[in-house]
Amino acid sequence: MRHGEIDEIRTLPLFAELRPENFDTLFRGAYVQNFPPQVQLIHEGDRADFLHVIIEGSVELTASWNNRDTTMATVAPISTFILAATIKDSPYLMSARTLERSRIILLPSQDVRTVFAEDAGFARAIVVELAQCYRAVVKSQKDLKLRTSQERLANYILRKDHQFGGHGHFDLPMEKKRLASYLGMTPENLSRAIKSLADFGVDVNGAQVRINNRKALEGLAKPNPLIDDPRC
Protein backbone atom coordinates (compact mmCIF):
# COMPACT_ATOMS: atom_id res chain seq x y z
CA MET A 1 0.00 0.00 0.00
CA ARG A 2 1.34 3.43 -0.93
CA HIS A 3 2.22 5.82 1.88
CA GLY A 4 -0.03 8.49 0.39
CA GLU A 5 -2.96 6.07 0.37
CA ILE A 6 -2.36 5.19 4.02
CA ASP A 7 -2.35 8.88 4.90
CA GLU A 8 -5.64 9.39 3.04
CA ILE A 9 -7.24 6.39 4.71
CA ARG A 10 -6.08 7.62 8.11
CA THR A 11 -8.10 10.82 7.62
CA LEU A 12 -11.38 9.01 6.90
CA PRO A 13 -13.85 9.56 9.77
CA LEU A 14 -14.14 5.79 10.19
CA PHE A 15 -10.42 5.42 10.95
CA ALA A 16 -9.46 8.87 12.27
CA GLU A 17 -9.89 7.99 15.98
CA LEU A 18 -8.13 4.63 15.82
CA ARG A 19 -5.24 4.31 18.24
CA PRO A 20 -1.98 3.98 16.25
CA GLU A 21 -1.33 0.42 17.38
CA ASN A 22 -4.86 -0.63 16.39
CA PHE A 23 -4.57 1.12 13.05
CA ASP A 24 -1.40 -0.88 12.41
CA THR A 25 -3.17 -4.09 13.46
CA LEU A 26 -6.12 -3.41 11.18
CA PHE A 27 -4.05 -2.58 8.12
CA ARG A 28 -1.34 -5.17 8.63
CA GLY A 29 -3.53 -7.78 6.92
CA ALA A 30 -4.95 -5.40 4.33
CA TYR A 31 -4.03 -5.43 0.68
CA VAL A 32 -4.70 -3.24 -2.31
CA GLN A 33 -5.88 -4.48 -5.67
CA ASN A 34 -6.58 -2.86 -9.02
CA PHE A 35 -9.72 -4.05 -10.78
CA PRO A 36 -10.77 -3.48 -14.39
CA PRO A 37 -14.32 -2.33 -15.22
CA GLN A 38 -17.28 -4.67 -14.78
CA VAL A 39 -15.59 -7.00 -12.30
CA GLN A 40 -17.90 -8.60 -9.73
CA LEU A 41 -16.34 -7.86 -6.35
CA ILE A 42 -18.93 -9.41 -4.05
CA HIS A 43 -22.10 -11.44 -4.51
CA GLU A 44 -25.37 -10.91 -2.68
CA GLY A 45 -25.74 -13.68 -0.10
CA ASP A 46 -22.01 -14.39 0.33
CA ARG A 47 -20.38 -14.02 3.72
CA ALA A 48 -18.64 -10.71 4.35
CA ASP A 49 -15.00 -11.74 4.32
CA PHE A 50 -13.69 -8.23 3.71
CA LEU A 51 -14.52 -4.59 4.29
CA HIS A 52 -13.81 -2.74 1.05
CA VAL A 53 -12.41 0.79 0.86
CA ILE A 54 -12.52 2.35 -2.60
CA ILE A 55 -9.72 4.83 -3.25
CA GLU A 56 -9.97 5.17 -7.06
CA GLY A 57 -12.77 4.53 -9.55
CA SER A 58 -16.41 3.75 -8.78
CA VAL A 59 -18.46 0.75 -7.72
CA GLU A 60 -22.14 -0.06 -8.30
CA LEU A 61 -24.13 -1.78 -5.55
CA THR A 62 -26.99 -3.92 -6.89
CA ALA A 63 -29.64 -6.34 -5.66
CA SER A 64 -31.71 -8.99 -7.40
CA TRP A 65 -34.83 -11.06 -6.84
CA ASN A 66 -36.95 -13.30 -9.06
CA ASN A 67 -34.92 -12.49 -12.20
CA ARG A 68 -35.13 -8.76 -11.50
CA ASP A 69 -32.14 -6.51 -10.84
CA THR A 70 -31.90 -3.01 -9.46
CA THR A 71 -29.21 -0.45 -8.74
CA MET A 72 -29.06 0.43 -5.04
CA ALA A 73 -26.19 2.93 -4.96
CA THR A 74 -22.95 4.04 -6.56
CA VAL A 75 -19.87 4.28 -4.33
CA ALA A 76 -17.11 6.80 -5.05
CA PRO A 77 -13.72 7.42 -3.40
CA ILE A 78 -12.85 7.53 -0.62
CA SER A 79 -15.45 5.45 1.19
CA THR A 80 -16.23 1.98 2.49
CA PHE A 81 -18.72 -0.73 1.55
CA ILE A 82 -20.46 -2.82 2.96
CA LEU A 83 -19.85 -2.06 6.65
CA ALA A 84 -22.96 -3.54 8.28
CA ALA A 85 -22.35 -7.03 6.91
CA THR A 86 -18.75 -6.92 8.14
CA ILE A 87 -19.68 -5.89 11.68
CA LYS A 88 -22.54 -8.40 11.97
CA ASP A 89 -20.57 -11.20 10.30
CA SER A 90 -23.61 -11.66 8.08
CA PRO A 91 -24.21 -12.24 4.36
CA TYR A 92 -23.98 -9.32 1.98
CA LEU A 93 -27.43 -7.88 1.17
CA MET A 94 -26.09 -6.43 -2.09
CA SER A 95 -23.69 -7.33 -4.85
CA ALA A 96 -20.94 -4.98 -6.02
CA ARG A 97 -19.15 -4.52 -9.33
CA THR A 98 -16.70 -1.98 -10.66
CA LEU A 99 -17.98 0.59 -13.13
CA GLU A 100 -14.51 1.67 -14.21
CA ARG A 101 -10.92 0.84 -13.39
CA SER A 102 -10.87 0.90 -9.60
CA ARG A 103 -8.32 0.64 -6.84
CA ILE A 104 -9.69 -0.94 -3.67
CA ILE A 105 -8.32 -1.79 -0.24
CA LEU A 106 -9.60 -5.02 1.29
CA LEU A 107 -9.59 -5.27 5.09
CA PRO A 108 -10.23 -8.73 6.59
CA SER A 109 -13.60 -8.59 8.36
CA GLN A 110 -12.30 -10.56 11.33
CA ASP A 111 -9.63 -7.92 11.94
CA VAL A 112 -12.26 -5.16 11.69
CA ARG A 113 -14.43 -6.90 14.30
CA THR A 114 -11.45 -7.51 16.58
CA VAL A 115 -10.40 -3.86 16.56
CA PHE A 116 -14.04 -2.79 16.89
CA ALA A 117 -14.23 -4.72 20.18
CA GLU A 118 -11.00 -3.19 21.52
CA ASP A 119 -10.94 0.43 20.34
CA ALA A 120 -13.64 2.78 21.67
CA GLY A 121 -12.85 5.52 19.14
CA PHE A 122 -13.21 3.09 16.25
CA ALA A 123 -16.45 1.73 17.72
CA ARG A 124 -17.90 5.25 17.96
CA ALA A 125 -16.93 5.98 14.36
CA ILE A 126 -18.59 2.78 13.18
CA VAL A 127 -21.82 3.65 15.01
CA VAL A 128 -21.82 7.08 13.36
CA GLU A 129 -21.24 5.62 9.90
CA LEU A 130 -23.94 2.99 10.35
CA ALA A 131 -26.33 5.70 11.56
CA GLN A 132 -25.58 7.73 8.43
CA CYS A 133 -26.22 4.67 6.28
CA TYR A 134 -29.53 4.05 8.07
CA ARG A 135 -30.64 7.64 7.51
CA ALA A 136 -29.69 7.39 3.84
CA VAL A 137 -31.91 4.31 3.51
CA VAL A 138 -34.83 6.14 5.17
CA LYS A 139 -34.40 9.10 2.81
CA SER A 140 -34.31 6.76 -0.16
CA GLN A 141 -37.53 5.08 0.98
CA LYS A 142 -39.22 8.45 1.45
CA ASP A 143 -38.13 9.49 -2.04
CA LEU A 144 -39.54 6.29 -3.55
CA LYS A 145 -42.79 6.16 -1.57
CA LEU A 146 -43.79 9.82 -1.38
CA ARG A 147 -42.86 11.10 -4.84
CA THR A 148 -43.97 10.42 -8.37
CA SER A 149 -41.41 9.32 -10.94
CA GLN A 150 -41.40 12.86 -12.37
CA GLU A 151 -40.74 14.36 -8.92
CA ARG A 152 -37.97 11.86 -8.19
CA LEU A 153 -36.22 12.72 -11.43
CA ALA A 154 -36.64 16.47 -10.84
CA ASN A 155 -35.07 16.22 -7.39
CA TYR A 156 -32.28 13.97 -8.69
CA ILE A 157 -31.41 16.62 -11.29
CA LEU A 158 -31.36 19.36 -8.66
CA ARG A 159 -29.16 17.29 -6.34
CA LYS A 160 -26.70 16.44 -9.10
CA ASP A 161 -26.56 20.03 -10.31
CA HIS A 162 -25.69 21.12 -6.76
CA GLN A 163 -23.07 18.34 -6.53
CA PHE A 164 -21.45 19.48 -9.80
CA GLY A 165 -21.24 23.11 -8.76
CA GLY A 166 -24.73 24.51 -9.37
CA HIS A 167 -23.96 25.80 -12.86
CA GLY A 168 -27.25 24.62 -14.36
CA HIS A 169 -25.66 22.06 -16.66
CA PHE A 170 -23.90 18.73 -16.15
CA ASP A 171 -23.50 15.28 -17.65
CA LEU A 172 -25.42 12.37 -16.17
CA PRO A 173 -22.92 10.26 -14.19
CA MET A 174 -24.52 6.98 -15.26
CA GLU A 175 -26.24 5.52 -18.31
CA LYS A 176 -30.00 6.03 -18.45
CA LYS A 177 -30.84 2.36 -17.93
CA ARG A 178 -28.95 2.39 -14.63
CA LEU A 179 -30.45 5.74 -13.70
CA ALA A 180 -33.94 4.36 -14.23
CA SER A 181 -33.14 1.43 -11.96
CA TYR A 182 -31.66 3.72 -9.31
CA LEU A 183 -34.78 5.93 -9.34
CA GLY A 184 -37.15 2.96 -9.19
CA MET A 185 -38.45 3.32 -12.75
CA THR A 186 -38.54 1.36 -15.95
CA PRO A 187 -36.48 2.83 -18.82
CA GLU A 188 -39.77 3.72 -20.54
CA ASN A 189 -41.01 5.62 -17.48
CA LEU A 190 -37.70 7.47 -17.26
CA SER A 191 -37.95 8.47 -20.90
CA ARG A 192 -41.46 9.85 -20.32
CA ALA A 193 -40.35 11.68 -17.18
CA ILE A 194 -37.44 13.27 -19.06
CA LYS A 195 -39.77 14.50 -21.79
CA SER A 196 -42.23 15.87 -19.22
CA LEU A 197 -39.53 18.00 -17.59
CA ALA A 198 -39.19 20.04 -20.77
CA ASP A 199 -42.29 21.92 -19.55
CA PHE A 200 -40.29 22.89 -16.45
CA GLY A 201 -37.22 24.20 -18.25
CA VAL A 202 -35.08 21.05 -18.34
CA ASP A 203 -33.36 20.01 -21.54
CA VAL A 204 -31.80 16.52 -21.69
CA ASN A 205 -29.74 15.72 -24.77
CA GLY A 206 -28.10 12.32 -24.46
CA ALA A 207 -26.16 12.50 -21.21
CA GLN A 208 -26.15 16.32 -21.14
CA VAL A 209 -28.61 18.01 -18.78
CA ARG A 210 -29.36 21.73 -18.82
CA ILE A 211 -31.61 23.59 -16.39
CA ASN A 212 -33.10 26.60 -18.18
CA ASN A 213 -35.73 27.51 -15.56
CA ARG A 214 -34.57 26.61 -12.06
CA LYS A 215 -37.56 28.26 -10.38
CA ALA A 216 -40.02 26.16 -12.38
CA LEU A 217 -38.06 22.97 -11.71
CA GLU A 218 -37.86 23.69 -7.97
CA GLY A 219 -41.58 24.42 -7.97
CA LEU A 220 -42.22 20.93 -9.30
CA ALA A 221 -39.59 19.14 -7.22
CA LYS A 222 -40.23 20.87 -3.89
CA PRO A 223 -36.85 19.70 -2.51
CA ASN A 224 -36.86 18.78 1.17
CA PRO A 225 -33.66 18.66 3.26
CA LEU A 226 -35.11 15.71 5.20
CA ILE A 227 -34.97 13.75 1.94
CA ASP A 228 -32.45 15.48 -0.29
CA ASP A 229 -29.74 16.96 1.93
CA PRO A 230 -26.98 14.39 2.69
CA ARG A 231 -25.85 16.50 5.65
CA CYS A 232 -29.11 15.97 7.57
C-alpha atoms as a PDB file:
ATOM      1  CA  MET A   1       0.000   0.000   0.000  1.00  0.00           C
ATOM      2  CA  ARG A   2       1.339   3.430  -0.934  1.00  0.00           C
ATOM      3  CA  HIS A   3       2.222   5.823   1.881  1.00  0.00           C
ATOM      4  CA  GLY A   4      -0.030   8.489   0.387  1.00  0.00           C
ATOM      5  CA  GLU A   5      -2.960   6.069   0.368  1.00  0.00           C
ATOM      6  CA  ILE A   6      -2.364   5.185   4.019  1.00  0.00           C
ATOM      7  CA  ASP A   7      -2.355   8.881   4.897  1.00  0.00           C
ATOM      8  CA  GLU A   8      -5.638   9.391   3.044  1.00  0.00           C
ATOM      9  CA  ILE A   9      -7.243   6.387   4.714  1.00  0.00           C
ATOM     10  CA  ARG A  10      -6.083   7.620   8.111  1.00  0.00           C
ATOM     11  CA  THR A  11      -8.096  10.824   7.625  1.00  0.00           C
ATOM     12  CA  LEU A  12     -11.377   9.008   6.897  1.00  0.00           C
ATOM     13  CA  PRO A  13     -13.847   9.559   9.768  1.00  0.00           C
ATOM     14  CA  LEU A  14     -14.136   5.787  10.191  1.00  0.00           C
ATOM     15  CA  PHE A  15     -10.418   5.417  10.954  1.00  0.00           C
ATOM     16  CA  ALA A  16      -9.464   8.865  12.271  1.00  0.00           C
ATOM     17  CA  GLU A  17      -9.886   7.990  15.977  1.00  0.00           C
ATOM     18  CA  LEU A  18      -8.125   4.634  15.823  1.00  0.00           C
ATOM     19  CA  ARG A  19      -5.238   4.314  18.235  1.00  0.00           C
ATOM     20  CA  PRO A  20      -1.980   3.980  16.252  1.00  0.00           C
ATOM     21  CA  GLU A  21      -1.326   0.421  17.381  1.00  0.00           C
ATOM     22  CA  ASN A  22      -4.859  -0.634  16.388  1.00  0.00           C
ATOM     23  CA  PHE A  23      -4.569   1.121  13.050  1.00  0.00           C
ATOM     24  CA  ASP A  24      -1.398  -0.882  12.409  1.00  0.00           C
ATOM     25  CA  THR A  25      -3.166  -4.092  13.459  1.00  0.00           C
ATOM     26  CA  LEU A  26      -6.116  -3.406  11.185  1.00  0.00           C
ATOM     27  CA  PHE A  27      -4.052  -2.579   8.125  1.00  0.00           C
ATOM     28  CA  ARG A  28      -1.342  -5.175   8.625  1.00  0.00           C
ATOM     29  CA  GLY A  29      -3.526  -7.775   6.922  1.00  0.00           C
ATOM     30  CA  ALA A  30      -4.948  -5.396   4.334  1.00  0.00           C
ATOM     31  CA  TYR A  31      -4.031  -5.434   0.683  1.00  0.00           C
ATOM     32  CA  VAL A  32      -4.697  -3.240  -2.312  1.00  0.00           C
ATOM     33  CA  GLN A  33      -5.885  -4.479  -5.669  1.00  0.00           C
ATOM     34  CA  ASN A  34      -6.575  -2.855  -9.021  1.00  0.00           C
ATOM     35  CA  PHE A  35      -9.722  -4.053 -10.777  1.00  0.00           C
ATOM     36  CA  PRO A  36     -10.769  -3.478 -14.386  1.00  0.00           C
ATOM     37  CA  PRO A  37     -14.317  -2.326 -15.222  1.00  0.00           C
ATOM     38  CA  GLN A  38     -17.285  -4.675 -14.783  1.00  0.00           C
ATOM     39  CA  VAL A  39     -15.593  -6.999 -12.302  1.00  0.00           C
ATOM     40  CA  GLN A  40     -17.901  -8.602  -9.732  1.00  0.00           C
ATOM     41  CA  LEU A  41     -16.341  -7.857  -6.345  1.00  0.00           C
ATOM     42  CA  ILE A  42     -18.928  -9.414  -4.049  1.00  0.00           C
ATOM     43  CA  HIS A  43     -22.097 -11.439  -4.508  1.00  0.00           C
ATOM     44  CA  GLU A  44     -25.366 -10.914  -2.682  1.00  0.00           C
ATOM     45  CA  GLY A  45     -25.744 -13.681  -0.095  1.00  0.00           C
ATOM     46  CA  ASP A  46     -22.009 -14.394   0.327  1.00  0.00           C
ATOM     47  CA  ARG A  47     -20.384 -14.025   3.722  1.00  0.00           C
ATOM     48  CA  ALA A  48     -18.643 -10.709   4.352  1.00  0.00           C
ATOM     49  CA  ASP A  49     -14.997 -11.739   4.318  1.00  0.00           C
ATOM     50  CA  PHE A  50     -13.691  -8.229   3.708  1.00  0.00           C
ATOM     51  CA  LEU A  51     -14.521  -4.594   4.289  1.00  0.00           C
ATOM     52  CA  HIS A  52     -13.807  -2.737   1.053  1.00  0.00           C
ATOM     53  CA  VAL A  53     -12.406   0.788   0.859  1.00  0.00           C
ATOM     54  CA  ILE A  54     -12.525   2.353  -2.596  1.00  0.00           C
ATOM     55  CA  ILE A  55      -9.718   4.828  -3.249  1.00  0.00           C
ATOM     56  CA  GLU A  56      -9.973   5.174  -7.055  1.00  0.00           C
ATOM     57  CA  GLY A  57     -12.768   4.534  -9.547  1.00  0.00           C
ATOM     58  CA  SER A  58     -16.410   3.750  -8.780  1.00  0.00           C
ATOM     59  CA  VAL A  59     -18.465   0.747  -7.718  1.00  0.00           C
ATOM     60  CA  GLU A  60     -22.135  -0.058  -8.300  1.00  0.00           C
ATOM     61  CA  LEU A  61     -24.132  -1.780  -5.553  1.00  0.00           C
ATOM     62  CA  THR A  62     -26.986  -3.918  -6.888  1.00  0.00           C
ATOM     63  CA  ALA A  63     -29.635  -6.338  -5.660  1.00  0.00           C
ATOM     64  CA  SER A  64     -31.706  -8.990  -7.400  1.00  0.00           C
ATOM     65  CA  TRP A  65     -34.833 -11.063  -6.844  1.00  0.00           C
ATOM     66  CA  ASN A  66     -36.947 -13.298  -9.062  1.00  0.00           C
ATOM     67  CA  ASN A  67     -34.919 -12.494 -12.195  1.00  0.00           C
ATOM     68  CA  ARG A  68     -35.133  -8.764 -11.505  1.00  0.00           C
ATOM     69  CA  ASP A  69     -32.141  -6.513 -10.841  1.00  0.00           C
ATOM     70  CA  THR A  70     -31.898  -3.011  -9.458  1.00  0.00           C
ATOM     71  CA  THR A  71     -29.206  -0.450  -8.736  1.00  0.00           C
ATOM     72  CA  MET A  72     -29.065   0.430  -5.038  1.00  0.00           C
ATOM     73  CA  ALA A  73     -26.195   2.928  -4.961  1.00  0.00           C
ATOM     74  CA  THR A  74     -22.950   4.040  -6.559  1.00  0.00           C
ATOM     75  CA  VAL A  75     -19.868   4.280  -4.332  1.00  0.00           C
ATOM     76  CA  ALA A  76     -17.111   6.804  -5.051  1.00  0.00           C
ATOM     77  CA  PRO A  77     -13.715   7.421  -3.401  1.00  0.00           C
ATOM     78  CA  ILE A  78     -12.848   7.527  -0.622  1.00  0.00           C
ATOM     79  CA  SER A  79     -15.451   5.448   1.186  1.00  0.00           C
ATOM     80  CA  THR A  80     -16.229   1.982   2.493  1.00  0.00           C
ATOM     81  CA  PHE A  81     -18.719  -0.731   1.546  1.00  0.00           C
ATOM     82  CA  ILE A  82     -20.457  -2.824   2.961  1.00  0.00           C
ATOM     83  CA  LEU A  83     -19.851  -2.056   6.647  1.00  0.00           C
ATOM     84  CA  ALA A  84     -22.960  -3.539   8.280  1.00  0.00           C
ATOM     85  CA  ALA A  85     -22.346  -7.034   6.908  1.00  0.00           C
ATOM     86  CA  THR A  86     -18.751  -6.919   8.141  1.00  0.00           C
ATOM     87  CA  ILE A  87     -19.681  -5.888  11.684  1.00  0.00           C
ATOM     88  CA  LYS A  88     -22.536  -8.397  11.968  1.00  0.00           C
ATOM     89  CA  ASP A  89     -20.566 -11.200  10.300  1.00  0.00           C
ATOM     90  CA  SER A  90     -23.615 -11.656   8.076  1.00  0.00           C
ATOM     91  CA  PRO A  91     -24.208 -12.236   4.362  1.00  0.00           C
ATOM     92  CA  TYR A  92     -23.984  -9.317   1.983  1.00  0.00           C
ATOM     93  CA  LEU A  93     -27.432  -7.884   1.169  1.00  0.00           C
ATOM     94  CA  MET A  94     -26.094  -6.434  -2.089  1.00  0.00           C
ATOM     95  CA  SER A  95     -23.691  -7.328  -4.846  1.00  0.00           C
ATOM     96  CA  ALA A  96     -20.936  -4.982  -6.017  1.00  0.00           C
ATOM     97  CA  ARG A  97     -19.151  -4.520  -9.329  1.00  0.00           C
ATOM     98  CA  THR A  98     -16.696  -1.982 -10.661  1.00  0.00           C
ATOM     99  CA  LEU A  99     -17.984   0.586 -13.134  1.00  0.00           C
ATOM    100  CA  GLU A 100     -14.507   1.671 -14.211  1.00  0.00           C
ATOM    101  CA  ARG A 101     -10.920   0.835 -13.389  1.00  0.00           C
ATOM    102  CA  SER A 102     -10.875   0.897  -9.597  1.00  0.00           C
ATOM    103  CA  ARG A 103      -8.316   0.644  -6.837  1.00  0.00           C
ATOM    104  CA  ILE A 104      -9.695  -0.941  -3.670  1.00  0.00           C
ATOM    105  CA  ILE A 105      -8.320  -1.787  -0.238  1.00  0.00           C
ATOM    106  CA  LEU A 106      -9.598  -5.024   1.292  1.00  0.00           C
ATOM    107  CA  LEU A 107      -9.589  -5.267   5.087  1.00  0.00           C
ATOM    108  CA  PRO A 108     -10.235  -8.729   6.585  1.00  0.00           C
ATOM    109  CA  SER A 109     -13.601  -8.591   8.355  1.00  0.00           C
ATOM    110  CA  GLN A 110     -12.304 -10.559  11.331  1.00  0.00           C
ATOM    111  CA  ASP A 111      -9.633  -7.918  11.940  1.00  0.00           C
ATOM    112  CA  VAL A 112     -12.261  -5.163  11.686  1.00  0.00           C
ATOM    113  CA  ARG A 113     -14.434  -6.901  14.299  1.00  0.00           C
ATOM    114  CA  THR A 114     -11.446  -7.511  16.580  1.00  0.00           C
ATOM    115  CA  VAL A 115     -10.401  -3.862  16.558  1.00  0.00           C
ATOM    116  CA  PHE A 116     -14.043  -2.791  16.888  1.00  0.00           C
ATOM    117  CA  ALA A 117     -14.229  -4.715  20.179  1.00  0.00           C
ATOM    118  CA  GLU A 118     -11.003  -3.187  21.521  1.00  0.00           C
ATOM    119  CA  ASP A 119     -10.941   0.429  20.339  1.00  0.00           C
ATOM    120  CA  ALA A 120     -13.640   2.781  21.668  1.00  0.00           C
ATOM    121  CA  GLY A 121     -12.853   5.516  19.141  1.00  0.00           C
ATOM    122  CA  PHE A 122     -13.205   3.089  16.247  1.00  0.00           C
ATOM    123  CA  ALA A 123     -16.447   1.729  17.720  1.00  0.00           C
ATOM    124  CA  ARG A 124     -17.899   5.253  17.958  1.00  0.00           C
ATOM    125  CA  ALA A 125     -16.930   5.982  14.361  1.00  0.00           C
ATOM    126  CA  ILE A 126     -18.594   2.777  13.181  1.00  0.00           C
ATOM    127  CA  VAL A 127     -21.817   3.646  15.013  1.00  0.00           C
ATOM    128  CA  VAL A 128     -21.818   7.076  13.364  1.00  0.00           C
ATOM    129  CA  GLU A 129     -21.236   5.623   9.896  1.00  0.00           C
ATOM    130  CA  LEU A 130     -23.936   2.986  10.346  1.00  0.00           C
ATOM    131  CA  ALA A 131     -26.330   5.701  11.557  1.00  0.00           C
ATOM    132  CA  GLN A 132     -25.583   7.729   8.433  1.00  0.00           C
ATOM    133  CA  CYS A 133     -26.225   4.666   6.279  1.00  0.00           C
ATOM    134  CA  TYR A 134     -29.533   4.053   8.067  1.00  0.00           C
ATOM    135  CA  ARG A 135     -30.642   7.639   7.513  1.00  0.00           C
ATOM    136  CA  ALA A 136     -29.687   7.393   3.837  1.00  0.00           C
ATOM    137  CA  VAL A 137     -31.907   4.315   3.507  1.00  0.00           C
ATOM    138  CA  VAL A 138     -34.834   6.137   5.169  1.00  0.00           C
ATOM    139  CA  LYS A 139     -34.401   9.097   2.810  1.00  0.00           C
ATOM    140  CA  SER A 140     -34.312   6.762  -0.163  1.00  0.00           C
ATOM    141  CA  GLN A 141     -37.526   5.085   0.976  1.00  0.00           C
ATOM    142  CA  LYS A 142     -39.220   8.454   1.455  1.00  0.00           C
ATOM    143  CA  ASP A 143     -38.128   9.489  -2.036  1.00  0.00           C
ATOM    144  CA  LEU A 144     -39.539   6.294  -3.546  1.00  0.00           C
ATOM    145  CA  LYS A 145     -42.790   6.159  -1.572  1.00  0.00           C
ATOM    146  CA  LEU A 146     -43.787   9.823  -1.382  1.00  0.00           C
ATOM    147  CA  ARG A 147     -42.855  11.103  -4.840  1.00  0.00           C
ATOM    148  CA  THR A 148     -43.974  10.421  -8.366  1.00  0.00           C
ATOM    149  CA  SER A 149     -41.409   9.323 -10.939  1.00  0.00           C
ATOM    150  CA  GLN A 150     -41.402  12.856 -12.370  1.00  0.00           C
ATOM    151  CA  GLU A 151     -40.742  14.356  -8.917  1.00  0.00           C
ATOM    152  CA  ARG A 152     -37.967  11.855  -8.186  1.00  0.00           C
ATOM    153  CA  LEU A 153     -36.216  12.722 -11.434  1.00  0.00           C
ATOM    154  CA  ALA A 154     -36.642  16.467 -10.839  1.00  0.00           C
ATOM    155  CA  ASN A 155     -35.070  16.215  -7.390  1.00  0.00           C
ATOM    156  CA  TYR A 156     -32.279  13.974  -8.694  1.00  0.00           C
ATOM    157  CA  ILE A 157     -31.406  16.622 -11.295  1.00  0.00           C
ATOM    158  CA  LEU A 158     -31.359  19.364  -8.664  1.00  0.00           C
ATOM    159  CA  ARG A 159     -29.160  17.293  -6.338  1.00  0.00           C
ATOM    160  CA  LYS A 160     -26.703  16.439  -9.100  1.00  0.00           C
ATOM    161  CA  ASP A 161     -26.556  20.032 -10.313  1.00  0.00           C
ATOM    162  CA  HIS A 162     -25.689  21.116  -6.761  1.00  0.00           C
ATOM    163  CA  GLN A 163     -23.067  18.343  -6.530  1.00  0.00           C
ATOM    164  CA  PHE A 164     -21.453  19.482  -9.796  1.00  0.00           C
ATOM    165  CA  GLY A 165     -21.235  23.114  -8.755  1.00  0.00           C
ATOM    166  CA  GLY A 166     -24.730  24.506  -9.366  1.00  0.00           C
ATOM    167  CA  HIS A 167     -23.963  25.798 -12.864  1.00  0.00           C
ATOM    168  CA  GLY A 168     -27.251  24.623 -14.357  1.00  0.00           C
ATOM    169  CA  HIS A 169     -25.657  22.059 -16.661  1.00  0.00           C
ATOM    170  CA  PHE A 170     -23.896  18.730 -16.149  1.00  0.00           C
ATOM    171  CA  ASP A 171     -23.496  15.279 -17.651  1.00  0.00           C
ATOM    172  CA  LEU A 172     -25.419  12.366 -16.168  1.00  0.00           C
ATOM    173  CA  PRO A 173     -22.920  10.260 -14.190  1.00  0.00           C
ATOM    174  CA  MET A 174     -24.519   6.975 -15.264  1.00  0.00           C
ATOM    175  CA  GLU A 175     -26.242   5.524 -18.306  1.00  0.00           C
ATOM    176  CA  LYS A 176     -30.003   6.026 -18.448  1.00  0.00           C
ATOM    177  CA  LYS A 177     -30.838   2.361 -17.933  1.00  0.00           C
ATOM    178  CA  ARG A 178     -28.949   2.387 -14.630  1.00  0.00           C
ATOM    179  CA  LEU A 179     -30.450   5.744 -13.701  1.00  0.00           C
ATOM    180  CA  ALA A 180     -33.944   4.362 -14.231  1.00  0.00           C
ATOM    181  CA  SER A 181     -33.143   1.427 -11.958  1.00  0.00           C
ATOM    182  CA  TYR A 182     -31.661   3.719  -9.314  1.00  0.00           C
ATOM    183  CA  LEU A 183     -34.776   5.933  -9.340  1.00  0.00           C
ATOM    184  CA  GLY A 184     -37.146   2.964  -9.194  1.00  0.00           C
ATOM    185  CA  MET A 185     -38.455   3.316 -12.754  1.00  0.00           C
ATOM    186  CA  THR A 186     -38.538   1.357 -15.952  1.00  0.00           C
ATOM    187  CA  PRO A 187     -36.481   2.832 -18.821  1.00  0.00           C
ATOM    188  CA  GLU A 188     -39.771   3.716 -20.537  1.00  0.00           C
ATOM    189  CA  ASN A 189     -41.012   5.621 -17.483  1.00  0.00           C
ATOM    190  CA  LEU A 190     -37.703   7.468 -17.260  1.00  0.00           C
ATOM    191  CA  SER A 191     -37.955   8.470 -20.904  1.00  0.00           C
ATOM    192  CA  ARG A 192     -41.457   9.853 -20.323  1.00  0.00           C
ATOM    193  CA  ALA A 193     -40.346  11.677 -17.178  1.00  0.00           C
ATOM    194  CA  ILE A 194     -37.444  13.274 -19.057  1.00  0.00           C
ATOM    195  CA  LYS A 195     -39.768  14.504 -21.793  1.00  0.00           C
ATOM    196  CA  SER A 196     -42.228  15.871 -19.224  1.00  0.00           C
ATOM    197  CA  LEU A 197     -39.530  17.996 -17.589  1.00  0.00           C
ATOM    198  CA  ALA A 198     -39.191  20.038 -20.769  1.00  0.00           C
ATOM    199  CA  ASP A 199     -42.287  21.916 -19.553  1.00  0.00           C
ATOM    200  CA  PHE A 200     -40.289  22.894 -16.454  1.00  0.00           C
ATOM    201  CA  GLY A 201     -37.219  24.197 -18.247  1.00  0.00           C
ATOM    202  CA  VAL A 202     -35.084  21.045 -18.337  1.00  0.00           C
ATOM    203  CA  ASP A 203     -33.356  20.006 -21.536  1.00  0.00           C
ATOM    204  CA  VAL A 204     -31.798  16.523 -21.690  1.00  0.00           C
ATOM    205  CA  ASN A 205     -29.743  15.721 -24.773  1.00  0.00           C
ATOM    206  CA  GLY A 206     -28.098  12.318 -24.465  1.00  0.00           C
ATOM    207  CA  ALA A 207     -26.164  12.496 -21.212  1.00  0.00           C
ATOM    208  CA  GLN A 208     -26.153  16.316 -21.138  1.00  0.00           C
ATOM    209  CA  VAL A 209     -28.609  18.012 -18.776  1.00  0.00           C
ATOM    210  CA  ARG A 210     -29.355  21.727 -18.823  1.00  0.00           C
ATOM    211  CA  ILE A 211     -31.612  23.586 -16.394  1.00  0.00           C
ATOM    212  CA  ASN A 212     -33.101  26.600 -18.176  1.00  0.00           C
ATOM    213  CA  ASN A 213     -35.735  27.508 -15.563  1.00  0.00           C
ATOM    214  CA  ARG A 214     -34.572  26.605 -12.058  1.00  0.00           C
ATOM    215  CA  LYS A 215     -37.560  28.262 -10.377  1.00  0.00           C
ATOM    216  CA  ALA A 216     -40.023  26.163 -12.375  1.00  0.00           C
ATOM    217  CA  LEU A 217     -38.056  22.971 -11.709  1.00  0.00           C
ATOM    218  CA  GLU A 218     -37.858  23.689  -7.975  1.00  0.00           C
ATOM    219  CA  GLY A 219     -41.583  24.422  -7.969  1.00  0.00           C
ATOM    220  CA  LEU A 220     -42.218  20.933  -9.303  1.00  0.00           C
ATOM    221  CA  ALA A 221     -39.594  19.145  -7.223  1.00  0.00           C
ATOM    222  CA  LYS A 222     -40.234  20.867  -3.888  1.00  0.00           C
ATOM    223  CA  PRO A 223     -36.846  19.703  -2.511  1.00  0.00           C
ATOM    224  CA  ASN A 224     -36.862  18.784   1.165  1.00  0.00           C
ATOM    225  CA  PRO A 225     -33.664  18.658   3.260  1.00  0.00           C
ATOM    226  CA  LEU A 226     -35.107  15.707   5.199  1.00  0.00           C
ATOM    227  CA  ILE A 227     -34.966  13.748   1.942  1.00  0.00           C
ATOM    228  CA  ASP A 228     -32.451  15.478  -0.289  1.00  0.00           C
ATOM    229  CA  ASP A 229     -29.738  16.963   1.930  1.00  0.00           C
ATOM    230  CA  PRO A 230     -26.981  14.394   2.686  1.00  0.00           C
ATOM    231  CA  ARG A 231     -25.850  16.499   5.653  1.00  0.00           C
ATOM    232  CA  CYS A 232     -29.115  15.974   7.566  1.00  0.00           C
END
